[in-house]
N, C-alpha and C. Protein backbone atom coordinates (compact mmCIF):
# COMPACT_ATOMS: atom_id res chain seq x y z
N UNK A 1 -14.12 75.10 2.66
CA UNK A 1 -15.22 74.82 3.54
C UNK A 1 -14.97 73.58 4.38
N UNK A 2 -14.24 72.63 3.87
CA UNK A 2 -13.99 71.41 4.62
C UNK A 2 -12.74 71.49 5.50
N UNK A 3 -12.05 72.62 5.45
CA UNK A 3 -10.86 72.79 6.28
C UNK A 3 -11.29 73.01 7.71
N UNK A 4 -10.80 72.17 8.61
CA UNK A 4 -11.20 72.29 10.01
C UNK A 4 -10.01 72.26 10.97
N UNK A 5 -8.82 72.11 10.47
CA UNK A 5 -7.65 71.98 11.34
C UNK A 5 -6.72 73.18 11.19
N UNK A 6 -6.08 73.56 12.30
CA UNK A 6 -5.11 74.65 12.31
C UNK A 6 -3.74 74.05 12.64
N UNK A 7 -2.80 74.30 11.76
CA UNK A 7 -1.44 73.80 11.93
C UNK A 7 -0.48 74.94 12.16
N UNK A 8 0.59 74.65 12.88
CA UNK A 8 1.66 75.61 13.13
C UNK A 8 2.96 75.03 12.57
N UNK A 9 3.70 75.87 11.87
CA UNK A 9 5.00 75.44 11.35
C UNK A 9 6.05 75.60 12.43
N UNK A 10 6.81 74.56 12.70
CA UNK A 10 7.87 74.59 13.72
C UNK A 10 9.21 74.56 12.98
N UNK A 11 9.87 75.74 12.85
CA UNK A 11 11.10 75.82 12.05
C UNK A 11 12.23 74.89 12.51
N UNK A 12 12.40 74.74 13.83
CA UNK A 12 13.51 73.90 14.33
C UNK A 12 13.35 72.45 13.92
N UNK A 13 12.10 72.00 13.79
CA UNK A 13 11.84 70.62 13.39
C UNK A 13 11.52 70.50 11.90
N UNK A 14 11.34 71.64 11.24
CA UNK A 14 10.95 71.68 9.84
C UNK A 14 9.73 70.82 9.59
N UNK A 15 8.69 71.05 10.42
CA UNK A 15 7.46 70.29 10.27
C UNK A 15 6.26 71.11 10.71
N UNK A 16 5.08 70.67 10.27
CA UNK A 16 3.82 71.28 10.65
C UNK A 16 3.18 70.44 11.73
N UNK A 17 2.72 71.10 12.82
CA UNK A 17 2.07 70.38 13.91
C UNK A 17 0.64 70.89 14.09
N UNK A 18 -0.27 69.95 14.29
CA UNK A 18 -1.66 70.29 14.55
C UNK A 18 -1.76 70.96 15.92
N UNK A 19 -2.39 72.16 15.96
CA UNK A 19 -2.55 72.82 17.26
C UNK A 19 -4.00 72.88 17.72
N UNK A 20 -4.94 72.83 16.78
CA UNK A 20 -6.36 72.87 17.17
C UNK A 20 -7.23 72.55 15.96
N UNK A 21 -8.50 72.33 16.23
CA UNK A 21 -9.50 72.20 15.17
C UNK A 21 -10.58 73.24 15.42
N UNK A 22 -11.25 73.66 14.35
CA UNK A 22 -12.30 74.66 14.48
C UNK A 22 -13.43 74.12 15.35
N UNK A 23 -14.05 75.01 16.10
CA UNK A 23 -15.10 74.56 17.03
C UNK A 23 -16.49 74.67 16.44
N UNK A 24 -16.64 75.38 15.32
CA UNK A 24 -17.96 75.53 14.71
C UNK A 24 -17.86 75.28 13.21
N UNK A 25 -18.93 74.76 12.66
CA UNK A 25 -18.99 74.53 11.22
C UNK A 25 -19.48 75.79 10.52
N UNK A 26 -19.11 75.94 9.28
CA UNK A 26 -19.59 77.04 8.46
C UNK A 26 -20.25 76.45 7.22
N UNK A 27 -21.14 77.22 6.63
CA UNK A 27 -21.86 76.69 5.48
C UNK A 27 -21.20 77.07 4.16
N UNK A 28 -20.48 78.17 4.13
CA UNK A 28 -19.99 78.68 2.86
C UNK A 28 -18.47 78.76 2.82
N UNK A 29 -17.86 79.15 3.88
CA UNK A 29 -16.41 79.29 3.91
C UNK A 29 -15.97 80.09 5.11
N UNK A 30 -14.69 80.28 5.23
CA UNK A 30 -14.16 81.06 6.35
C UNK A 30 -12.80 81.62 5.97
N UNK A 31 -12.33 82.55 6.78
CA UNK A 31 -10.95 83.02 6.64
C UNK A 31 -10.42 83.26 8.05
N UNK A 32 -9.11 83.33 8.14
CA UNK A 32 -8.48 83.47 9.44
C UNK A 32 -7.42 84.55 9.35
N UNK A 33 -7.34 85.38 10.40
CA UNK A 33 -6.27 86.37 10.51
C UNK A 33 -5.64 86.23 11.89
N UNK A 34 -4.36 86.52 11.97
CA UNK A 34 -3.65 86.48 13.24
C UNK A 34 -3.32 87.89 13.69
N UNK A 35 -3.51 88.15 14.97
CA UNK A 35 -3.14 89.44 15.56
C UNK A 35 -2.58 89.17 16.95
N UNK A 36 -1.32 89.51 17.12
CA UNK A 36 -0.61 89.24 18.37
C UNK A 36 -0.75 87.77 18.75
N UNK A 37 -1.38 87.45 19.86
CA UNK A 37 -1.43 86.06 20.33
C UNK A 37 -2.76 85.38 19.99
N UNK A 38 -3.54 85.98 19.11
CA UNK A 38 -4.85 85.43 18.79
C UNK A 38 -5.00 85.14 17.30
N UNK A 39 -5.72 84.06 17.00
CA UNK A 39 -6.16 83.77 15.65
C UNK A 39 -7.66 84.00 15.61
N UNK A 40 -8.11 84.84 14.70
CA UNK A 40 -9.53 85.13 14.56
C UNK A 40 -10.05 84.39 13.33
N UNK A 41 -11.05 83.56 13.51
CA UNK A 41 -11.64 82.80 12.42
C UNK A 41 -13.01 83.40 12.14
N UNK A 42 -13.14 84.04 10.97
CA UNK A 42 -14.40 84.59 10.55
C UNK A 42 -15.07 83.56 9.65
N UNK A 43 -16.30 83.25 9.94
CA UNK A 43 -16.98 82.22 9.18
C UNK A 43 -18.37 82.69 8.83
N UNK A 44 -18.80 82.28 7.67
CA UNK A 44 -20.17 82.57 7.28
C UNK A 44 -21.08 81.64 8.07
N UNK A 45 -22.26 82.12 8.38
CA UNK A 45 -23.18 81.41 9.26
C UNK A 45 -23.62 80.05 8.74
N UNK A 46 -24.25 79.29 9.58
CA UNK A 46 -24.69 77.93 9.23
C UNK A 46 -25.90 77.94 8.30
N UNK A 47 -26.03 76.92 7.52
CA UNK A 47 -27.20 76.64 6.67
C UNK A 47 -27.59 77.82 5.80
N UNK A 48 -28.85 78.27 5.91
CA UNK A 48 -29.33 79.33 5.04
C UNK A 48 -28.96 80.73 5.55
N UNK A 49 -28.23 80.84 6.64
CA UNK A 49 -27.83 82.11 7.21
C UNK A 49 -26.37 82.42 6.89
N UNK A 50 -25.94 82.07 5.67
CA UNK A 50 -24.53 82.18 5.34
C UNK A 50 -24.05 83.62 5.15
N UNK A 51 -24.93 84.60 5.07
CA UNK A 51 -24.50 85.98 4.92
C UNK A 51 -24.14 86.62 6.26
N UNK A 52 -24.45 85.95 7.34
CA UNK A 52 -24.13 86.45 8.67
C UNK A 52 -22.74 85.96 9.04
N UNK A 53 -21.79 86.86 9.13
CA UNK A 53 -20.41 86.47 9.41
C UNK A 53 -20.16 86.54 10.92
N UNK A 54 -19.80 85.42 11.50
CA UNK A 54 -19.54 85.32 12.93
C UNK A 54 -18.07 85.05 13.15
N UNK A 55 -17.60 85.24 14.39
CA UNK A 55 -16.18 85.09 14.63
C UNK A 55 -15.87 84.31 15.91
N UNK A 56 -14.86 83.44 15.79
CA UNK A 56 -14.31 82.74 16.94
C UNK A 56 -12.85 83.15 17.07
N UNK A 57 -12.34 83.09 18.29
CA UNK A 57 -10.96 83.49 18.56
C UNK A 57 -10.23 82.34 19.25
N UNK A 58 -9.05 82.01 18.74
CA UNK A 58 -8.20 80.99 19.35
C UNK A 58 -6.96 81.67 19.90
N UNK A 59 -6.73 81.54 21.21
CA UNK A 59 -5.56 82.13 21.84
C UNK A 59 -4.42 81.12 21.79
N UNK A 60 -3.32 81.51 21.15
CA UNK A 60 -2.19 80.60 20.97
C UNK A 60 -1.52 80.20 22.28
N UNK A 61 -1.46 81.11 23.25
CA UNK A 61 -0.80 80.79 24.52
C UNK A 61 -1.63 79.86 25.39
N UNK A 62 -2.92 80.16 25.52
CA UNK A 62 -3.76 79.36 26.41
C UNK A 62 -4.35 78.13 25.72
N UNK A 63 -4.41 78.15 24.38
CA UNK A 63 -5.02 77.04 23.65
C UNK A 63 -6.53 77.01 23.80
N UNK A 64 -7.14 78.15 24.17
CA UNK A 64 -8.59 78.22 24.41
C UNK A 64 -9.31 78.96 23.28
N UNK A 65 -10.52 78.49 22.97
CA UNK A 65 -11.40 79.12 22.00
C UNK A 65 -12.41 79.99 22.72
N UNK A 66 -12.80 81.09 22.08
CA UNK A 66 -13.91 81.92 22.55
C UNK A 66 -14.63 82.47 21.32
N UNK A 67 -15.86 82.92 21.51
CA UNK A 67 -16.63 83.52 20.42
C UNK A 67 -16.76 85.00 20.67
N UNK A 68 -16.62 85.79 19.62
CA UNK A 68 -16.80 87.23 19.74
C UNK A 68 -18.25 87.57 19.47
N UNK A 69 -18.81 88.48 20.24
CA UNK A 69 -20.21 88.86 20.02
C UNK A 69 -20.35 89.71 18.77
N UNK A 70 -21.52 89.67 18.15
CA UNK A 70 -21.82 90.53 17.02
C UNK A 70 -21.58 89.87 15.68
N UNK A 71 -21.73 90.68 14.63
CA UNK A 71 -21.59 90.24 13.26
C UNK A 71 -20.51 91.08 12.60
N UNK A 72 -19.77 90.49 11.67
CA UNK A 72 -18.62 91.18 11.11
C UNK A 72 -18.63 91.23 9.60
N UNK A 73 -19.80 91.35 9.03
CA UNK A 73 -19.93 91.53 7.59
C UNK A 73 -21.28 92.15 7.31
N UNK A 74 -21.45 92.59 6.12
CA UNK A 74 -22.68 93.21 5.70
C UNK A 74 -23.62 92.13 5.18
N UNK A 75 -24.90 92.34 5.33
CA UNK A 75 -25.87 91.36 4.86
C UNK A 75 -25.99 91.34 3.34
N UNK A 76 -25.28 92.21 2.64
CA UNK A 76 -25.35 92.26 1.18
C UNK A 76 -24.36 91.32 0.51
N UNK A 77 -23.62 90.56 1.25
CA UNK A 77 -22.67 89.66 0.60
C UNK A 77 -21.86 88.88 1.60
N UNK A 78 -21.45 87.70 1.19
CA UNK A 78 -20.63 86.87 2.07
C UNK A 78 -19.19 87.37 2.05
N UNK A 79 -18.45 87.01 3.05
CA UNK A 79 -17.07 87.45 3.23
C UNK A 79 -16.15 86.78 2.22
N UNK A 80 -15.31 87.57 1.54
CA UNK A 80 -14.30 87.03 0.63
C UNK A 80 -13.01 86.73 1.39
N UNK A 81 -12.51 87.73 2.11
CA UNK A 81 -11.23 87.59 2.78
C UNK A 81 -11.09 88.66 3.86
N UNK A 82 -10.04 88.56 4.64
CA UNK A 82 -9.72 89.57 5.66
C UNK A 82 -8.21 89.63 5.81
N UNK A 83 -7.71 90.78 6.22
CA UNK A 83 -6.27 90.94 6.41
C UNK A 83 -6.03 91.90 7.58
N UNK A 84 -4.97 91.65 8.34
CA UNK A 84 -4.59 92.51 9.46
C UNK A 84 -3.48 93.44 9.00
N UNK A 85 -3.61 94.70 9.39
CA UNK A 85 -2.55 95.69 9.15
C UNK A 85 -2.42 96.50 10.42
N UNK A 86 -1.31 96.29 11.13
CA UNK A 86 -1.14 96.96 12.42
C UNK A 86 -2.18 96.46 13.41
N UNK A 87 -2.92 97.39 14.01
CA UNK A 87 -3.99 97.05 14.95
C UNK A 87 -5.37 97.19 14.30
N UNK A 88 -5.40 97.08 12.96
CA UNK A 88 -6.66 97.13 12.23
C UNK A 88 -6.82 95.86 11.42
N UNK A 89 -8.06 95.51 11.17
CA UNK A 89 -8.35 94.39 10.27
C UNK A 89 -9.34 94.91 9.23
N UNK A 90 -9.12 94.48 7.99
CA UNK A 90 -10.02 94.85 6.90
C UNK A 90 -10.71 93.60 6.40
N UNK A 91 -12.05 93.64 6.34
CA UNK A 91 -12.82 92.53 5.79
C UNK A 91 -13.38 92.97 4.45
N UNK A 92 -13.44 92.05 3.51
CA UNK A 92 -13.81 92.39 2.15
C UNK A 92 -14.91 91.47 1.64
N UNK A 93 -15.93 92.07 1.03
CA UNK A 93 -16.92 91.31 0.27
C UNK A 93 -17.26 92.13 -0.97
N UNK A 94 -18.25 91.71 -1.73
CA UNK A 94 -18.57 92.41 -2.99
C UNK A 94 -19.09 93.82 -2.77
N UNK A 95 -19.83 94.03 -1.71
CA UNK A 95 -20.47 95.33 -1.53
C UNK A 95 -19.62 96.34 -0.75
N UNK A 96 -18.74 95.87 0.12
CA UNK A 96 -17.96 96.82 0.91
C UNK A 96 -16.72 96.21 1.54
N UNK A 97 -15.80 97.10 1.87
CA UNK A 97 -14.64 96.77 2.68
C UNK A 97 -14.84 97.49 4.01
N UNK A 98 -14.77 96.74 5.10
CA UNK A 98 -14.95 97.32 6.43
C UNK A 98 -13.63 97.27 7.17
N UNK A 99 -13.29 98.35 7.84
CA UNK A 99 -12.08 98.38 8.68
C UNK A 99 -12.51 98.41 10.14
N UNK A 100 -11.88 97.54 10.93
CA UNK A 100 -12.14 97.47 12.37
C UNK A 100 -10.85 97.74 13.13
N UNK A 101 -10.95 98.38 14.28
CA UNK A 101 -9.82 98.53 15.20
C UNK A 101 -9.88 97.35 16.17
N UNK A 102 -8.76 96.64 16.32
CA UNK A 102 -8.71 95.50 17.23
C UNK A 102 -8.32 96.02 18.61
N UNK A 103 -9.17 95.77 19.58
CA UNK A 103 -8.93 96.22 20.95
C UNK A 103 -9.19 95.03 21.86
N UNK A 104 -8.13 94.30 22.18
CA UNK A 104 -8.29 93.07 22.95
C UNK A 104 -9.06 92.06 22.13
N UNK A 105 -10.15 91.54 22.68
CA UNK A 105 -10.97 90.61 21.93
C UNK A 105 -12.21 91.31 21.35
N UNK A 106 -12.12 92.62 21.19
CA UNK A 106 -13.22 93.40 20.64
C UNK A 106 -12.78 94.04 19.33
N UNK A 107 -13.64 93.99 18.35
CA UNK A 107 -13.41 94.68 17.09
C UNK A 107 -14.38 95.85 17.01
N UNK A 108 -13.84 97.06 16.85
CA UNK A 108 -14.68 98.26 16.79
C UNK A 108 -14.66 98.80 15.36
N UNK A 109 -15.84 99.03 14.76
CA UNK A 109 -15.88 99.57 13.40
C UNK A 109 -15.18 100.91 13.30
N UNK A 110 -14.33 101.09 12.26
CA UNK A 110 -13.61 102.35 12.03
C UNK A 110 -14.13 103.08 10.80
N UNK A 111 -14.20 102.37 9.66
CA UNK A 111 -14.67 103.02 8.45
C UNK A 111 -15.15 101.98 7.44
N UNK A 112 -15.87 102.50 6.45
CA UNK A 112 -16.44 101.65 5.41
C UNK A 112 -15.97 102.18 4.05
N UNK A 113 -15.55 101.26 3.17
CA UNK A 113 -15.09 101.63 1.83
C UNK A 113 -15.76 100.74 0.80
N UNK A 114 -15.46 100.95 -0.46
CA UNK A 114 -16.03 100.14 -1.53
C UNK A 114 -15.57 98.69 -1.41
N UNK A 115 -16.39 97.79 -1.91
CA UNK A 115 -16.05 96.38 -1.91
C UNK A 115 -15.30 95.99 -3.17
N UNK A 116 -15.11 94.68 -3.35
CA UNK A 116 -14.44 94.14 -4.52
C UNK A 116 -15.53 93.74 -5.51
N UNK A 117 -15.63 94.41 -6.67
CA UNK A 117 -16.80 94.28 -7.53
C UNK A 117 -16.88 93.03 -8.39
N UNK A 118 -16.06 92.06 -8.17
CA UNK A 118 -16.08 90.85 -9.00
C UNK A 118 -16.51 89.66 -8.15
N UNK A 119 -17.08 88.68 -8.79
CA UNK A 119 -17.48 87.47 -8.06
C UNK A 119 -16.26 86.57 -7.89
N UNK A 120 -16.37 85.62 -6.99
CA UNK A 120 -15.27 84.70 -6.74
C UNK A 120 -14.69 84.91 -5.37
N UNK A 121 -13.50 84.40 -5.17
CA UNK A 121 -12.82 84.50 -3.88
C UNK A 121 -11.47 85.15 -4.03
N UNK A 122 -11.02 85.75 -2.95
CA UNK A 122 -9.67 86.30 -2.88
C UNK A 122 -9.01 85.73 -1.63
N UNK A 123 -7.74 85.42 -1.72
CA UNK A 123 -7.00 84.91 -0.57
C UNK A 123 -5.81 85.79 -0.30
N UNK A 124 -5.52 86.01 0.97
CA UNK A 124 -4.32 86.72 1.37
C UNK A 124 -3.57 85.83 2.34
N UNK A 125 -2.26 85.86 2.25
CA UNK A 125 -1.44 85.02 3.12
C UNK A 125 -0.27 85.83 3.65
N UNK A 126 0.16 85.49 4.84
CA UNK A 126 1.33 86.10 5.43
C UNK A 126 2.07 85.01 6.19
N UNK A 127 3.33 84.84 5.87
CA UNK A 127 4.17 83.91 6.61
C UNK A 127 5.24 84.74 7.28
N UNK A 128 5.26 84.72 8.59
CA UNK A 128 6.25 85.48 9.34
C UNK A 128 7.09 84.50 10.14
N UNK A 129 8.38 84.53 9.88
CA UNK A 129 9.31 83.64 10.58
C UNK A 129 10.11 84.44 11.58
N UNK A 130 10.57 83.81 12.66
CA UNK A 130 11.38 84.54 13.65
C UNK A 130 12.69 85.04 13.03
N UNK A 131 13.16 86.18 13.52
CA UNK A 131 14.42 86.74 13.02
C UNK A 131 15.60 85.81 13.23
N UNK A 132 15.52 84.94 14.23
CA UNK A 132 16.62 84.05 14.55
C UNK A 132 16.74 82.87 13.59
N UNK A 133 15.70 82.65 12.80
CA UNK A 133 15.73 81.54 11.85
C UNK A 133 16.66 81.88 10.69
N UNK A 134 17.65 81.04 10.47
CA UNK A 134 18.59 81.25 9.37
C UNK A 134 18.25 80.27 8.26
N UNK A 135 17.84 80.80 7.13
CA UNK A 135 17.53 79.94 5.99
C UNK A 135 18.80 79.62 5.24
N UNK A 136 18.97 78.37 4.89
CA UNK A 136 20.17 77.96 4.16
C UNK A 136 19.82 77.50 2.78
């Protein structure tokens, strides 16, 4: 919840560089997924509206933030995590898993599945390095 900075790993320098800070506060938590040149930050709403999941988008090339219209979670539970697979993103909470098709800066609902029936949090991570990077 207190995480507000986005860092990028620079392999040639072997260091992490600050690229931006989040533009909105969240009351409960957030998760971030990357798709092509955009980072999507899904956050639970402010104060007592934490079940409303809203989204901001950070474009890596332009360095600009924008907000996506609409809500991206069910009112029956706060968001646990999200993951991108191809041009789809799956969001997960206790009551359901929702799949969205990513079309530019628009997410279109595709299907709904069962949620994760346990309390707590789940995290997913993906580290993708360029093919040209040679690890020694």
